[in-house]
Amino acid sequence: MNDDIFGENQTPEDKFFQILCSMNKDVVRNELAKLFEKLVVLEKLSDDVDVEKKIRAYKYENAQQLERMLQNLYLHITADMIAQHE
């Protein structure tokens, strides 16, 4: 995934970390807090001893889809941070 808006050889992940370093600390903190909150809730909802095994299997079986989803997440979070920064 490489669009003109990211420049040559730059991914949404690259852009996310570039912007992350220049963002207001409170904006970054809010976005990370939202992510951690989701993670905690998902872990609680799963309450399955085999979750780690299922995660590893999913990552292996769906590597390309997972990468696309991850890059989309980077795009979404970057856009949210930029919107809060304005």
N, C-alpha and C. Protein backbone atom coordinates (compact mmCIF):
# COMPACT_ATOMS: atom_id res chain seq x y z
N MET A 1 0.86 -1.18 0.00
CA MET A 1 0.00 0.00 0.00
C MET A 1 0.89 1.23 0.00
N ASN A 2 0.88 1.95 -1.10
CA ASN A 2 1.72 3.14 -1.20
C ASN A 2 1.01 4.13 -2.12
N ASP A 3 0.51 5.18 -1.58
CA ASP A 3 -0.19 6.19 -2.35
C ASP A 3 0.68 7.43 -2.48
N ASP A 4 0.35 8.29 -3.44
CA ASP A 4 1.11 9.52 -3.64
C ASP A 4 1.18 10.39 -2.39
N ILE A 5 0.12 10.36 -1.57
CA ILE A 5 0.12 11.22 -0.38
C ILE A 5 1.19 10.83 0.63
N PHE A 6 1.70 9.61 0.53
CA PHE A 6 2.71 9.15 1.47
C PHE A 6 4.12 9.33 0.94
N GLY A 7 4.25 9.62 -0.32
CA GLY A 7 5.57 9.76 -0.89
C GLY A 7 6.13 8.41 -1.28
N GLU A 8 7.22 8.45 -1.95
CA GLU A 8 7.82 7.22 -2.45
C GLU A 8 8.28 6.33 -1.30
N ASN A 9 7.90 5.08 -1.38
CA ASN A 9 8.29 4.05 -0.39
C ASN A 9 7.86 4.37 1.03
N GLN A 10 6.78 5.09 1.20
CA GLN A 10 6.29 5.39 2.54
C GLN A 10 4.90 4.78 2.71
N THR A 11 4.71 4.05 3.79
CA THR A 11 3.45 3.38 4.07
C THR A 11 2.63 4.22 5.05
N PRO A 12 1.35 3.87 5.23
CA PRO A 12 0.58 4.54 6.27
C PRO A 12 1.23 4.40 7.65
N GLU A 13 1.85 3.26 7.90
CA GLU A 13 2.55 3.08 9.17
C GLU A 13 3.69 4.08 9.31
N ASP A 14 4.47 4.26 8.24
CA ASP A 14 5.56 5.24 8.26
C ASP A 14 5.02 6.63 8.57
N LYS A 15 3.94 7.01 7.88
CA LYS A 15 3.35 8.33 8.06
C LYS A 15 2.81 8.49 9.49
N PHE A 16 2.19 7.43 10.01
CA PHE A 16 1.67 7.45 11.37
C PHE A 16 2.78 7.80 12.36
N PHE A 17 3.90 7.09 12.27
CA PHE A 17 4.97 7.34 13.24
C PHE A 17 5.65 8.69 13.01
N GLN A 18 5.69 9.13 11.78
CA GLN A 18 6.22 10.45 11.50
C GLN A 18 5.35 11.52 12.15
N ILE A 19 4.04 11.40 11.98
CA ILE A 19 3.11 12.37 12.56
C ILE A 19 3.04 12.22 14.07
N LEU A 20 3.10 11.01 14.56
CA LEU A 20 3.03 10.75 15.99
C LEU A 20 4.10 11.56 16.74
N CYS A 21 5.28 11.61 16.17
CA CYS A 21 6.39 12.31 16.82
C CYS A 21 6.22 13.82 16.84
N SER A 22 5.36 14.34 15.96
CA SER A 22 5.20 15.78 15.91
C SER A 22 3.85 16.25 16.48
N MET A 23 3.06 15.32 16.97
CA MET A 23 1.73 15.64 17.49
C MET A 23 1.79 16.16 18.92
N ASN A 24 0.77 16.86 19.28
CA ASN A 24 0.58 17.31 20.65
C ASN A 24 0.50 16.09 21.56
N LYS A 25 1.18 16.15 22.68
CA LYS A 25 1.24 15.03 23.62
C LYS A 25 -0.15 14.58 24.07
N ASP A 26 -1.05 15.51 24.30
CA ASP A 26 -2.39 15.16 24.75
C ASP A 26 -3.19 14.43 23.67
N VAL A 27 -3.00 14.82 22.42
CA VAL A 27 -3.67 14.14 21.31
C VAL A 27 -3.19 12.69 21.23
N VAL A 28 -1.89 12.49 21.28
CA VAL A 28 -1.33 11.13 21.23
C VAL A 28 -1.82 10.31 22.42
N ARG A 29 -1.81 10.91 23.59
CA ARG A 29 -2.26 10.21 24.79
C ARG A 29 -3.72 9.77 24.65
N ASN A 30 -4.58 10.65 24.14
CA ASN A 30 -5.99 10.30 23.97
C ASN A 30 -6.18 9.14 23.00
N GLU A 31 -5.47 9.18 21.89
CA GLU A 31 -5.60 8.11 20.89
C GLU A 31 -5.08 6.78 21.44
N LEU A 32 -3.95 6.81 22.12
CA LEU A 32 -3.42 5.58 22.71
C LEU A 32 -4.33 5.05 23.81
N ALA A 33 -4.90 5.94 24.59
CA ALA A 33 -5.83 5.52 25.65
C ALA A 33 -7.04 4.80 25.05
N LYS A 34 -7.56 5.32 23.93
CA LYS A 34 -8.69 4.66 23.27
C LYS A 34 -8.31 3.26 22.78
N LEU A 35 -7.12 3.14 22.22
CA LEU A 35 -6.67 1.83 21.74
C LEU A 35 -6.50 0.84 22.89
N PHE A 36 -5.88 1.30 23.98
CA PHE A 36 -5.67 0.42 25.12
C PHE A 36 -6.99 0.00 25.75
N GLU A 37 -7.93 0.92 25.78
CA GLU A 37 -9.26 0.60 26.32
C GLU A 37 -9.91 -0.51 25.49
N LYS A 38 -9.85 -0.38 24.17
CA LYS A 38 -10.41 -1.43 23.30
C LYS A 38 -9.71 -2.76 23.53
N LEU A 39 -8.40 -2.71 23.65
CA LEU A 39 -7.63 -3.93 23.85
C LEU A 39 -8.02 -4.63 25.15
N VAL A 40 -8.15 -3.86 26.21
CA VAL A 40 -8.53 -4.42 27.51
C VAL A 40 -9.92 -5.07 27.43
N VAL A 41 -10.85 -4.37 26.80
CA VAL A 41 -12.21 -4.91 26.67
C VAL A 41 -12.21 -6.18 25.83
N LEU A 42 -11.49 -6.17 24.72
CA LEU A 42 -11.43 -7.36 23.88
C LEU A 42 -10.81 -8.54 24.60
N GLU A 43 -9.76 -8.29 25.37
CA GLU A 43 -9.15 -9.37 26.13
C GLU A 43 -10.12 -9.93 27.17
N LYS A 44 -10.87 -9.05 27.83
CA LYS A 44 -11.83 -9.49 28.83
C LYS A 44 -12.96 -10.28 28.18
N LEU A 45 -13.44 -9.80 27.03
CA LEU A 45 -14.52 -10.49 26.33
C LEU A 45 -14.08 -11.87 25.85
N SER A 46 -12.83 -12.00 25.50
CA SER A 46 -12.35 -13.28 24.98
C SER A 46 -12.22 -14.31 26.10
N ASP A 47 -11.69 -13.89 27.25
CA ASP A 47 -11.51 -14.77 28.41
C ASP A 47 -11.34 -16.24 28.03
N ASP A 48 -10.54 -16.48 27.06
CA ASP A 48 -10.31 -17.82 26.53
C ASP A 48 -8.82 -18.12 26.69
N VAL A 49 -8.52 -19.24 27.31
CA VAL A 49 -7.11 -19.58 27.54
C VAL A 49 -6.36 -19.82 26.23
N ASP A 50 -7.07 -20.08 25.17
CA ASP A 50 -6.44 -20.34 23.88
C ASP A 50 -6.35 -19.10 23.00
N VAL A 51 -6.58 -17.93 23.56
CA VAL A 51 -6.60 -16.71 22.75
C VAL A 51 -5.26 -16.49 22.06
N GLU A 52 -4.16 -16.62 22.76
CA GLU A 52 -2.84 -16.41 22.16
C GLU A 52 -2.62 -17.38 21.00
N LYS A 53 -3.02 -18.62 21.17
CA LYS A 53 -2.89 -19.62 20.11
C LYS A 53 -3.75 -19.22 18.91
N LYS A 54 -4.95 -18.76 19.16
CA LYS A 54 -5.85 -18.33 18.08
C LYS A 54 -5.30 -17.10 17.37
N ILE A 55 -4.71 -16.19 18.12
CA ILE A 55 -4.12 -14.99 17.53
C ILE A 55 -2.97 -15.38 16.60
N ARG A 56 -2.10 -16.24 17.07
CA ARG A 56 -0.97 -16.69 16.23
C ARG A 56 -1.47 -17.37 14.96
N ALA A 57 -2.48 -18.22 15.10
CA ALA A 57 -3.03 -18.92 13.94
C ALA A 57 -3.66 -17.94 12.96
N TYR A 58 -4.41 -16.98 13.48
CA TYR A 58 -5.05 -15.99 12.62
C TYR A 58 -4.00 -15.18 11.86
N LYS A 59 -2.96 -14.75 12.57
CA LYS A 59 -1.90 -13.97 11.94
C LYS A 59 -1.24 -14.77 10.81
N TYR A 60 -1.02 -16.04 11.05
CA TYR A 60 -0.38 -16.90 10.05
C TYR A 60 -1.30 -17.12 8.85
N GLU A 61 -2.55 -17.42 9.11
CA GLU A 61 -3.49 -17.76 8.05
C GLU A 61 -4.00 -16.55 7.27
N ASN A 62 -3.92 -15.37 7.85
CA ASN A 62 -4.49 -14.16 7.24
C ASN A 62 -3.49 -13.02 7.18
N ALA A 63 -2.25 -13.33 6.90
CA ALA A 63 -1.17 -12.34 6.97
C ALA A 63 -1.43 -11.13 6.08
N GLN A 64 -1.83 -11.35 4.84
CA GLN A 64 -2.04 -10.23 3.93
C GLN A 64 -3.24 -9.39 4.35
N GLN A 65 -4.32 -10.03 4.71
CA GLN A 65 -5.51 -9.29 5.16
C GLN A 65 -5.20 -8.52 6.44
N LEU A 66 -4.47 -9.13 7.35
CA LEU A 66 -4.09 -8.48 8.59
C LEU A 66 -3.24 -7.24 8.32
N GLU A 67 -2.31 -7.34 7.37
CA GLU A 67 -1.47 -6.19 7.02
C GLU A 67 -2.31 -5.06 6.47
N ARG A 68 -3.27 -5.36 5.59
CA ARG A 68 -4.16 -4.32 5.06
C ARG A 68 -4.98 -3.68 6.17
N MET A 69 -5.49 -4.49 7.07
CA MET A 69 -6.28 -3.98 8.19
C MET A 69 -5.43 -3.09 9.09
N LEU A 70 -4.20 -3.51 9.32
CA LEU A 70 -3.29 -2.74 10.17
C LEU A 70 -2.96 -1.39 9.53
N GLN A 71 -2.69 -1.39 8.22
CA GLN A 71 -2.40 -0.14 7.53
C GLN A 71 -3.62 0.79 7.56
N ASN A 72 -4.81 0.21 7.43
CA ASN A 72 -6.04 1.02 7.52
C ASN A 72 -6.20 1.62 8.91
N LEU A 73 -5.83 0.85 9.93
CA LEU A 73 -5.89 1.36 11.29
C LEU A 73 -4.93 2.54 11.46
N TYR A 74 -3.72 2.40 10.94
CA TYR A 74 -2.77 3.51 10.99
C TYR A 74 -3.34 4.75 10.32
N LEU A 75 -3.99 4.58 9.16
CA LEU A 75 -4.61 5.70 8.46
C LEU A 75 -5.68 6.35 9.32
N HIS A 76 -6.52 5.53 9.92
CA HIS A 76 -7.63 6.04 10.74
C HIS A 76 -7.12 6.83 11.94
N ILE A 77 -6.17 6.27 12.64
CA ILE A 77 -5.63 6.93 13.83
C ILE A 77 -4.90 8.21 13.44
N THR A 78 -4.15 8.17 12.35
CA THR A 78 -3.46 9.37 11.88
C THR A 78 -4.45 10.47 11.57
N ALA A 79 -5.52 10.14 10.87
CA ALA A 79 -6.55 11.12 10.53
C ALA A 79 -7.19 11.68 11.79
N ASP A 80 -7.47 10.83 12.76
CA ASP A 80 -8.06 11.29 14.03
C ASP A 80 -7.13 12.25 14.76
N MET A 81 -5.84 11.93 14.77
CA MET A 81 -4.89 12.81 15.46
C MET A 81 -4.78 14.16 14.75
N ILE A 82 -4.74 14.12 13.43
CA ILE A 82 -4.64 15.37 12.68
C ILE A 82 -5.88 16.22 12.91
N ALA A 83 -7.05 15.60 12.94
CA ALA A 83 -8.30 16.34 13.18
C ALA A 83 -8.30 16.99 14.56
N GLN A 84 -7.76 16.32 15.56
CA GLN A 84 -7.71 16.88 16.91
C GLN A 84 -6.67 17.98 17.01
N HIS A 85 -5.66 17.89 16.21
CA HIS A 85 -4.54 18.84 16.27
C HIS A 85 -4.90 20.20 15.68
N GLU A 86 -5.87 20.19 14.77
CA GLU A 86 -6.23 21.44 14.06
C GLU A 86 -6.93 22.42 14.95
